[in-house]
Amino acid sequence: MPIRFFYEEIEFKLPNPVKIKKWLNLSAKKEKKAIRDISYIFCSDAFLLELNKKYLNHDTLTDIITFDESSEKTISGEIYISIDRVAENAYAYKCDFLIEVRRIMIHGVLHLCGYSDKRKSEKKRMRKKEDTYLSLWA
C-alpha cells in the first residue's frame, strides 16, 4: 500500500505525511478499495500546465491531473497537484490552505475510485464525498 510524495518546482512540503497516508487508506477502505500504489506529485502551475498541454491537449491551468492505473479492487495512479492553484482556491473559498490540500488529495483518490466530475450532478456527488472524508481527519 505505498503512497509516496514528490515535489517539482515548489518549496512546499506536506506536513504529517504518516497521518495523511493513514487517512487516505481509511478513505479508500470506506470506498471498498485498497491502495496499491499512489504517487502524489506536488508542483507549480507551470509544471502542471505543461502536463495538461502534453497529455490532455488542454491549454488551461488546473489544480489536479490524475493518471489512473486502477483495477476493480485496488487503486493506483499518479496524482499531480498544483500548489499554486490550491493556494488560490483556498483564498477564493476562504478556507484553510491545508484543508484545501487534503480536499484536492482526496479528490484525486475519488477519481481513482471511478468517480467523475464532468457534469454538475457528478461534481455535487464528489464534493459531498470529499466533505465526508475530510470529516474523518482528526
Foldseek 3Di string as FASTA:
>chain_A
DDEEEAEEADDDDDPPPVLLVVLLQVLQVVLQAGEPEEYEYEYAQVVVQVVCCPPVVDNDGDQWDWDWPADQHYTYTYIYGHLVVLVVVCVVVVHDSNLSVSLSVVLNVVVSSPQDDPDPVSVVVSVVSSVVSSVVRD
